[in-house]
Amino acid sequence: MTPFSLPENLDDLDEAEQSRKKEIYHRRLVHYHYVKNTEECIEFHYAALTGPIGILRRRLFYYAGDP
């Protein structure tokens, strides 16, 4: 897993688009640190997150929320 960065052309975007890009960056950064720290501190939880059943559960949970 690689850390994310803000787009290089951030200054060229309008204020609304900058805000959206920063929000996406923040969410990805939080997720990145959560996964990395879980991998280091709670190995069995990390294994459950990255295992095939964990991926299936996440997808089911995600799609169950769709109308």
Protein backbone atom coordinates (compact mmCIF):
# COMPACT_ATOMS: atom_id res chain seq x y z
CA MET A 1 0.00 0.00 0.00
CA THR A 2 1.43 3.35 -1.03
CA PRO A 3 0.62 6.73 0.53
CA PHE A 4 -1.37 9.18 -1.54
CA SER A 5 -0.58 12.78 -2.43
CA LEU A 6 -2.53 15.79 -3.54
CA PRO A 7 -2.70 16.44 -7.29
CA GLU A 8 0.10 18.54 -8.74
CA ASN A 9 -2.34 20.95 -10.41
CA LEU A 10 -4.23 21.73 -7.18
CA ASP A 11 -3.57 25.47 -7.48
CA ASP A 12 -5.08 25.52 -10.98
CA LEU A 13 -8.43 24.11 -9.81
CA ASP A 14 -11.34 26.22 -8.63
CA GLU A 15 -12.15 26.40 -4.91
CA ALA A 16 -14.92 23.76 -4.97
CA GLU A 17 -12.75 21.27 -6.84
CA GLN A 18 -9.80 21.94 -4.50
CA SER A 19 -12.04 21.25 -1.53
CA ARG A 20 -13.24 17.99 -3.08
CA LYS A 21 -9.68 16.85 -3.86
CA LYS A 22 -8.53 17.71 -0.32
CA GLU A 23 -11.45 15.75 1.17
CA ILE A 24 -10.61 12.69 -0.94
CA TYR A 25 -6.95 13.03 0.04
CA HIS A 26 -7.85 13.24 3.73
CA ARG A 27 -10.07 10.15 3.56
CA ARG A 28 -7.40 8.14 1.76
CA LEU A 29 -4.72 9.27 4.19
CA VAL A 30 -6.80 8.25 7.21
CA HIS A 31 -7.51 4.87 5.61
CA TYR A 32 -3.83 4.38 4.77
CA HIS A 33 -2.72 5.06 8.35
CA TYR A 34 -5.50 2.87 9.78
CA VAL A 35 -4.43 -0.09 7.65
CA LYS A 36 -0.70 0.40 8.28
CA ASN A 37 -1.14 0.75 12.05
CA THR A 38 -3.51 -2.23 12.15
CA GLU A 39 -0.94 -4.28 10.26
CA GLU A 40 1.75 -3.41 12.81
CA CYS A 41 -0.29 -3.60 16.03
CA ILE A 42 -3.13 -6.09 15.51
CA GLU A 43 -2.02 -8.75 13.05
CA PHE A 44 -5.12 -10.96 13.35
CA HIS A 45 -7.41 -8.00 12.64
CA TYR A 46 -5.29 -7.04 9.63
CA ALA A 47 -5.49 -10.63 8.37
CA ALA A 48 -9.29 -10.49 8.70
CA LEU A 49 -9.41 -7.19 6.80
CA THR A 50 -7.26 -8.36 3.91
CA GLY A 51 -8.46 -11.97 3.65
CA PRO A 52 -10.89 -13.01 0.91
CA ILE A 53 -13.83 -13.28 3.32
CA GLY A 54 -13.13 -9.77 4.68
CA ILE A 55 -13.15 -8.34 1.18
CA LEU A 56 -16.43 -10.13 0.42
CA ARG A 57 -18.00 -8.79 3.63
CA ARG A 58 -16.94 -5.22 2.81
CA ARG A 59 -18.45 -5.47 -0.67
CA LEU A 60 -21.69 -6.94 0.67
CA PHE A 61 -21.91 -4.22 3.30
CA TYR A 62 -21.20 -1.53 0.71
CA TYR A 63 -23.79 -2.80 -1.77
CA ALA A 64 -26.39 -3.47 0.93
CA GLY A 65 -26.52 0.28 1.55
CA ASP A 66 -27.44 1.05 -2.06
CA PRO A 67 -31.09 1.89 -2.66
